[in-house]
N, C-alpha and C. Protein backbone atom coordinates (compact mmCIF):
# COMPACT_ATOMS: atom_id res chain seq x y z
N MET A 1 36.16 45.03 -56.85
CA MET A 1 36.07 43.76 -57.42
C MET A 1 37.53 43.24 -57.53
N TYR A 2 37.77 41.91 -57.24
CA TYR A 2 39.00 41.32 -57.27
C TYR A 2 39.21 40.48 -58.49
N LEU A 3 39.99 40.70 -59.27
CA LEU A 3 40.27 39.93 -60.60
C LEU A 3 41.40 38.91 -60.29
N LEU A 4 41.04 37.72 -60.71
CA LEU A 4 41.95 36.61 -60.46
C LEU A 4 43.16 36.71 -61.51
N PRO A 5 44.38 36.69 -61.07
CA PRO A 5 45.48 36.60 -62.17
C PRO A 5 45.42 35.14 -62.66
N LEU A 6 45.24 35.04 -63.96
CA LEU A 6 45.23 33.76 -64.47
C LEU A 6 46.54 33.19 -64.87
N SER A 7 46.88 32.19 -64.20
CA SER A 7 48.19 31.61 -64.43
C SER A 7 48.01 30.14 -65.05
N ALA A 8 46.86 29.95 -65.52
CA ALA A 8 46.62 28.64 -66.16
C ALA A 8 46.19 28.90 -67.55
N ASP A 9 46.20 27.81 -68.32
CA ASP A 9 45.69 27.91 -69.77
C ASP A 9 44.34 27.26 -69.90
N ILE A 10 43.55 27.70 -70.89
CA ILE A 10 42.25 27.35 -70.98
C ILE A 10 42.04 26.85 -72.55
N VAL A 11 41.43 25.75 -72.66
CA VAL A 11 41.23 25.12 -74.07
C VAL A 11 39.83 24.51 -74.07
N MET A 12 39.30 24.56 -75.24
CA MET A 12 38.02 23.81 -75.41
C MET A 12 38.43 22.38 -76.06
N PHE A 13 37.82 21.26 -75.44
CA PHE A 13 38.24 19.88 -75.91
C PHE A 13 36.99 19.11 -75.94
N ASP A 14 36.61 18.72 -77.17
CA ASP A 14 35.44 17.73 -77.23
C ASP A 14 34.10 18.22 -76.49
N GLY A 15 33.88 19.56 -76.52
CA GLY A 15 32.74 20.06 -75.96
C GLY A 15 33.00 20.35 -74.38
N HIS A 16 34.05 20.31 -73.96
CA HIS A 16 34.42 20.56 -72.40
C HIS A 16 35.38 21.68 -72.33
N ILE A 17 35.31 22.49 -71.34
CA ILE A 17 36.38 23.58 -71.03
C ILE A 17 37.36 22.95 -70.12
N VAL A 18 38.54 22.94 -70.52
CA VAL A 18 39.73 22.36 -69.90
C VAL A 18 40.65 23.54 -69.34
N VAL A 19 40.86 23.64 -68.06
CA VAL A 19 41.83 24.52 -67.50
C VAL A 19 42.91 23.78 -66.93
N TYR A 20 44.24 24.13 -67.33
CA TYR A 20 45.31 23.30 -66.89
C TYR A 20 46.54 24.08 -66.58
N LYS A 21 47.31 23.48 -65.70
CA LYS A 21 48.59 24.15 -65.33
C LYS A 21 49.60 23.07 -65.00
N PHE A 22 50.84 23.40 -65.40
CA PHE A 22 51.92 22.58 -65.12
C PHE A 22 52.79 23.09 -63.99
N ILE A 23 53.08 22.11 -63.01
CA ILE A 23 54.08 22.57 -62.01
C ILE A 23 55.09 21.46 -62.01
N GLN A 24 56.29 21.96 -62.27
CA GLN A 24 57.44 20.96 -62.37
C GLN A 24 56.97 19.72 -63.21
N ASP A 25 56.99 18.59 -62.62
CA ASP A 25 56.75 17.34 -63.38
C ASP A 25 55.25 16.89 -63.09
N LEU A 26 54.32 17.75 -62.60
CA LEU A 26 52.93 17.34 -62.43
C LEU A 26 52.00 18.29 -63.34
N HIS A 27 50.99 17.70 -63.61
CA HIS A 27 49.92 18.25 -64.66
C HIS A 27 48.57 18.36 -63.95
N PHE A 28 48.09 19.50 -63.68
CA PHE A 28 46.78 19.68 -63.02
C PHE A 28 45.83 20.15 -63.96
N PHE A 29 44.61 19.50 -64.03
CA PHE A 29 43.54 19.80 -64.90
C PHE A 29 42.20 20.02 -64.12
N VAL A 30 41.47 20.97 -64.57
CA VAL A 30 40.03 21.17 -64.11
C VAL A 30 39.21 21.23 -65.41
N THR A 31 38.16 20.36 -65.34
CA THR A 31 37.22 20.40 -66.60
C THR A 31 35.80 20.76 -66.04
N GLY A 32 35.08 21.19 -67.12
CA GLY A 32 33.83 21.54 -67.02
C GLY A 32 33.03 21.49 -68.25
N GLY A 33 31.69 21.58 -68.20
CA GLY A 33 30.82 21.69 -69.44
C GLY A 33 31.04 23.00 -70.08
N GLU A 34 30.65 22.86 -71.45
CA GLU A 34 30.94 24.12 -72.25
C GLU A 34 30.10 25.36 -71.68
N GLU A 35 29.13 25.22 -70.88
CA GLU A 35 28.29 26.21 -70.17
C GLU A 35 28.91 26.69 -68.88
N GLU A 36 29.96 26.16 -68.44
CA GLU A 36 30.75 26.57 -67.23
C GLU A 36 31.43 27.82 -67.40
N ASN A 37 31.60 28.62 -66.35
CA ASN A 37 32.53 29.77 -66.38
C ASN A 37 33.95 29.47 -66.23
N GLU A 38 34.71 29.94 -67.22
CA GLU A 38 36.24 29.68 -67.22
C GLU A 38 36.99 30.18 -65.97
N LEU A 39 36.39 31.44 -65.60
CA LEU A 39 37.16 31.95 -64.48
C LEU A 39 36.89 31.26 -63.10
N ILE A 40 35.68 30.69 -62.98
CA ILE A 40 35.46 29.77 -61.88
C ILE A 40 36.28 28.58 -61.86
N LEU A 41 36.44 27.89 -63.06
CA LEU A 41 37.30 26.75 -63.23
C LEU A 41 38.66 27.09 -62.83
N ALA A 42 39.13 28.27 -63.33
CA ALA A 42 40.51 28.68 -63.22
C ALA A 42 40.75 29.08 -61.72
N SER A 43 39.81 29.64 -61.01
CA SER A 43 39.92 29.87 -59.57
C SER A 43 39.97 28.65 -58.76
N VAL A 44 39.25 27.49 -59.13
CA VAL A 44 39.33 26.25 -58.44
C VAL A 44 40.69 25.65 -58.72
N LEU A 45 41.26 25.68 -59.89
CA LEU A 45 42.53 25.11 -60.25
C LEU A 45 43.49 25.89 -59.34
N GLN A 46 43.42 27.18 -59.26
CA GLN A 46 44.42 28.04 -58.58
C GLN A 46 44.29 27.79 -57.06
N GLY A 47 43.15 27.72 -56.53
CA GLY A 47 43.01 27.34 -55.09
C GLY A 47 43.64 25.91 -54.69
N PHE A 48 43.33 24.94 -55.78
CA PHE A 48 43.74 23.73 -55.55
C PHE A 48 45.50 23.59 -55.54
N THR A 49 46.04 24.29 -56.61
CA THR A 49 47.50 24.21 -56.63
C THR A 49 47.99 25.08 -55.35
N ASP A 50 47.41 26.14 -54.93
CA ASP A 50 47.84 26.94 -53.97
C ASP A 50 47.87 26.11 -52.62
N ALA A 51 46.78 25.32 -52.41
CA ALA A 51 46.65 24.42 -51.16
C ALA A 51 47.76 23.45 -51.29
N ILE A 52 47.80 22.66 -52.36
CA ILE A 52 48.96 21.66 -52.61
C ILE A 52 50.26 22.22 -52.23
N ASP A 53 50.61 23.42 -52.85
CA ASP A 53 51.89 23.96 -52.62
C ASP A 53 52.11 24.16 -51.14
N SER A 54 51.16 24.59 -50.47
CA SER A 54 51.28 24.97 -49.03
C SER A 54 51.41 23.67 -48.28
N ILE A 55 50.65 22.65 -48.51
CA ILE A 55 50.62 21.37 -47.85
C ILE A 55 52.04 20.61 -48.12
N LEU A 56 52.48 20.76 -49.39
CA LEU A 56 53.70 20.00 -49.67
C LEU A 56 54.97 20.88 -49.43
N ARG A 57 54.73 22.04 -48.75
CA ARG A 57 55.76 23.04 -48.37
C ARG A 57 56.68 23.34 -49.45
N ASN A 58 56.02 23.87 -50.62
CA ASN A 58 56.74 24.32 -51.72
C ASN A 58 57.66 23.35 -52.42
N ASN A 59 57.28 21.98 -52.11
CA ASN A 59 58.07 20.92 -52.78
C ASN A 59 57.13 20.09 -53.58
N VAL A 60 56.51 20.75 -54.80
CA VAL A 60 55.60 19.97 -55.50
C VAL A 60 56.29 19.18 -56.68
N ASP A 61 56.41 17.88 -56.49
CA ASP A 61 56.98 17.04 -57.44
C ASP A 61 56.30 15.64 -57.29
N LYS A 62 56.54 14.85 -58.26
CA LYS A 62 55.78 13.46 -58.32
C LYS A 62 55.87 12.77 -57.14
N ARG A 63 57.18 12.62 -56.77
CA ARG A 63 57.42 11.77 -55.57
C ARG A 63 56.76 12.31 -54.24
N THR A 64 56.88 13.56 -53.96
CA THR A 64 56.17 14.19 -52.93
C THR A 64 54.73 14.06 -52.99
N ALA A 65 54.18 14.24 -54.11
CA ALA A 65 52.67 14.18 -54.37
C ALA A 65 52.19 12.81 -54.12
N LEU A 66 53.00 11.73 -54.56
CA LEU A 66 52.50 10.36 -54.36
C LEU A 66 52.56 9.91 -52.86
N GLU A 67 53.61 10.48 -52.17
CA GLU A 67 53.86 10.22 -50.67
C GLU A 67 52.57 10.80 -49.94
N ASN A 68 52.17 11.92 -50.44
CA ASN A 68 51.06 12.71 -49.73
C ASN A 68 49.82 12.76 -50.49
N LEU A 69 49.41 11.61 -51.19
CA LEU A 69 48.34 11.60 -52.13
C LEU A 69 46.98 11.64 -51.24
N ASP A 70 46.99 11.20 -50.05
CA ASP A 70 45.75 11.33 -49.21
C ASP A 70 45.49 12.70 -48.92
N LEU A 71 46.42 13.60 -48.60
CA LEU A 71 46.20 15.01 -48.42
C LEU A 71 45.70 15.68 -49.63
N ILE A 72 46.38 15.32 -50.76
CA ILE A 72 45.92 15.92 -52.07
C ILE A 72 44.46 15.60 -52.31
N LEU A 73 43.96 14.28 -52.15
CA LEU A 73 42.61 14.01 -52.36
C LEU A 73 41.66 14.67 -51.30
N LEU A 74 42.19 14.92 -50.10
CA LEU A 74 41.48 15.73 -49.14
C LEU A 74 41.26 17.14 -49.62
N CYS A 75 42.26 17.67 -50.37
CA CYS A 75 42.06 18.94 -50.84
C CYS A 75 40.96 19.01 -52.03
N LEU A 76 40.84 18.01 -52.68
CA LEU A 76 39.82 17.90 -53.59
C LEU A 76 38.34 17.84 -52.95
N ASP A 77 38.39 17.04 -51.94
CA ASP A 77 37.28 16.89 -51.13
C ASP A 77 36.73 18.19 -50.54
N GLU A 78 37.72 19.05 -50.18
CA GLU A 78 37.47 20.31 -49.40
C GLU A 78 36.84 21.30 -50.57
N ILE A 79 37.36 21.11 -51.68
CA ILE A 79 37.00 22.25 -52.79
C ILE A 79 35.60 21.78 -53.46
N VAL A 80 35.41 20.73 -53.74
CA VAL A 80 34.11 20.33 -54.53
C VAL A 80 33.39 19.15 -53.82
N ASP A 81 32.09 19.30 -53.68
CA ASP A 81 31.26 18.28 -53.15
C ASP A 81 30.12 18.09 -54.12
N GLY A 82 29.99 17.02 -54.78
CA GLY A 82 28.79 16.77 -55.63
C GLY A 82 28.79 17.65 -56.83
N GLY A 83 29.95 18.15 -57.41
CA GLY A 83 30.05 19.00 -58.43
C GLY A 83 29.84 20.52 -57.99
N ILE A 84 29.55 20.77 -56.77
CA ILE A 84 29.44 22.15 -56.39
C ILE A 84 30.71 22.71 -55.71
N VAL A 85 31.14 23.79 -56.17
CA VAL A 85 32.44 24.40 -55.66
C VAL A 85 32.09 24.89 -54.29
N LEU A 86 32.80 24.51 -53.25
CA LEU A 86 32.63 24.93 -51.84
C LEU A 86 33.64 25.83 -51.43
N GLU A 87 34.94 25.81 -51.96
CA GLU A 87 36.06 26.68 -51.48
C GLU A 87 37.05 26.85 -52.71
N THR A 88 37.59 28.00 -52.77
CA THR A 88 38.65 28.23 -53.78
C THR A 88 39.85 28.92 -53.17
N GLU A 89 39.85 29.28 -51.83
CA GLU A 89 40.97 29.96 -51.35
C GLU A 89 41.98 28.89 -50.94
N GLY A 90 43.15 28.98 -51.47
CA GLY A 90 44.10 27.89 -51.11
C GLY A 90 44.59 27.67 -49.60
N SER A 91 44.69 28.86 -48.95
CA SER A 91 45.14 28.89 -47.65
C SER A 91 44.06 28.14 -46.72
N VAL A 92 42.74 28.46 -47.05
CA VAL A 92 41.71 27.96 -46.10
C VAL A 92 41.65 26.45 -46.53
N ILE A 93 41.73 25.98 -47.69
CA ILE A 93 41.72 24.63 -48.00
C ILE A 93 42.89 23.85 -47.43
N ALA A 94 44.11 24.47 -47.40
CA ALA A 94 45.24 23.86 -46.73
C ALA A 94 45.06 23.60 -45.20
N GLU A 95 44.45 24.76 -44.74
CA GLU A 95 44.33 24.73 -43.23
C GLU A 95 43.29 23.63 -42.75
N LYS A 96 42.21 23.44 -43.58
CA LYS A 96 41.33 22.36 -43.32
C LYS A 96 41.89 21.02 -43.54
N VAL A 97 42.60 20.86 -44.55
CA VAL A 97 43.29 19.56 -44.82
C VAL A 97 44.38 19.26 -43.74
N SER A 98 45.16 20.24 -43.34
CA SER A 98 46.08 19.97 -42.23
C SER A 98 45.32 19.51 -40.93
N ALA A 99 44.23 20.15 -40.65
CA ALA A 99 43.49 19.72 -39.49
C ALA A 99 43.09 18.26 -39.54
N HIS A 100 42.46 17.89 -40.78
CA HIS A 100 41.98 16.53 -40.99
C HIS A 100 43.33 15.61 -41.02
N GLY A 101 44.31 16.04 -41.59
CA GLY A 101 45.53 15.16 -41.55
C GLY A 101 46.03 14.90 -40.27
N ALA A 102 46.02 15.91 -39.41
CA ALA A 102 46.57 15.72 -37.92
C ALA A 102 45.74 14.85 -37.10
N GLU A 103 44.38 14.90 -37.42
CA GLU A 103 43.50 14.02 -36.68
C GLU A 103 43.64 12.63 -37.05
N GLY A 104 43.74 12.49 -38.49
CA GLY A 104 43.82 11.11 -39.11
C GLY A 104 44.99 10.55 -38.87
N ALA A 105 46.07 11.23 -38.71
CA ALA A 105 47.50 10.61 -38.54
C ALA A 105 47.63 9.95 -37.26
N THR A 106 47.04 10.47 -36.09
CA THR A 106 47.15 9.84 -34.95
C THR A 106 46.21 8.66 -34.69
N SER A 107 45.00 8.81 -35.40
CA SER A 107 43.86 7.90 -34.88
C SER A 107 43.55 6.87 -36.01
N LEU A 108 44.25 6.82 -37.21
CA LEU A 108 43.85 5.86 -38.19
C LEU A 108 43.96 4.47 -37.67
N ALA A 109 45.04 4.00 -37.08
CA ALA A 109 45.14 2.67 -36.51
C ALA A 109 44.06 2.35 -35.47
N GLU A 110 43.76 3.51 -34.63
CA GLU A 110 42.87 3.37 -33.50
C GLU A 110 41.52 3.07 -34.17
N GLN A 111 41.13 3.92 -35.23
CA GLN A 111 39.86 3.91 -35.85
C GLN A 111 39.75 2.39 -36.52
N THR A 112 40.68 1.88 -37.13
CA THR A 112 40.65 0.57 -37.76
C THR A 112 40.32 -0.61 -36.67
N LEU A 113 41.12 -0.37 -35.47
CA LEU A 113 40.86 -1.37 -34.50
C LEU A 113 39.51 -1.25 -33.82
N VAL A 114 39.00 -0.09 -33.70
CA VAL A 114 37.70 0.17 -33.10
C VAL A 114 36.70 -0.27 -34.04
N GLN A 115 36.84 -0.16 -35.40
CA GLN A 115 35.94 -0.68 -36.27
C GLN A 115 35.91 -2.24 -36.36
N ALA A 116 36.97 -2.84 -36.23
CA ALA A 116 36.98 -4.34 -36.02
C ALA A 116 36.45 -4.73 -34.88
N LEU A 117 36.65 -4.10 -33.77
CA LEU A 117 36.09 -4.56 -32.53
C LEU A 117 34.45 -4.44 -32.58
N THR A 118 34.03 -3.35 -33.13
CA THR A 118 32.70 -2.99 -33.31
C THR A 118 31.99 -4.10 -34.18
N THR A 119 32.58 -4.41 -35.24
CA THR A 119 32.05 -5.42 -36.15
C THR A 119 31.96 -6.88 -35.38
N ALA A 120 33.14 -7.12 -34.63
CA ALA A 120 33.18 -8.45 -33.94
C ALA A 120 31.98 -8.53 -32.92
N ARG A 121 31.88 -7.35 -32.13
CA ARG A 121 30.82 -7.27 -31.08
C ARG A 121 29.39 -7.44 -31.76
N GLU A 122 29.18 -6.69 -32.93
CA GLU A 122 27.88 -7.01 -33.71
C GLU A 122 27.66 -8.45 -34.06
N HIS A 123 28.55 -9.07 -34.49
CA HIS A 123 28.38 -10.45 -35.04
C HIS A 123 28.20 -11.29 -33.77
N LEU A 124 28.94 -11.24 -32.71
CA LEU A 124 28.70 -11.82 -31.53
C LEU A 124 27.34 -11.72 -30.85
N THR A 125 26.80 -10.42 -30.92
CA THR A 125 25.49 -10.13 -30.38
C THR A 125 24.55 -10.79 -31.32
N LYS A 126 24.70 -10.85 -32.61
CA LYS A 126 23.64 -11.49 -33.55
C LYS A 126 23.65 -12.93 -33.31
N SER A 127 24.90 -13.54 -33.14
CA SER A 127 24.90 -15.03 -32.83
C SER A 127 24.37 -15.42 -31.45
N LEU A 128 24.49 -14.60 -30.57
CA LEU A 128 23.81 -14.98 -29.16
C LEU A 128 22.40 -14.86 -29.24
N LEU A 129 21.93 -13.83 -29.93
CA LEU A 129 20.47 -13.63 -30.08
C LEU A 129 19.77 -14.67 -30.90
N MET A 130 20.41 -15.32 -31.80
CA MET A 130 19.77 -16.33 -32.69
C MET A 130 19.62 -17.64 -32.01
């Protein structure tokens, strides 16, 4: 059995479990109901911070985090879906986010243009059929 080294603090606040960690000038929090398992919440937080540390290349500060907020939000998306924890391994999360980021970085403008052309085509088709 693998025991998670707990590098975060846990408190009860207003009927919720709060697991938190401070890295330089950033504060990371994971909350759950009082019936949630603290170790699971701590592993979610650890995986999230490990993924961010990997994605930001060990340069975790406010400025870098704001510049890469899209990747950080993708990390959250890879970890939790509808309140269900999908992944807690930081390296796996970072790998998935990097793959999404590489795809999105090259095709974001193309996707927007394609969406605009598709919408224009749909409007034109509707106006011709009426």
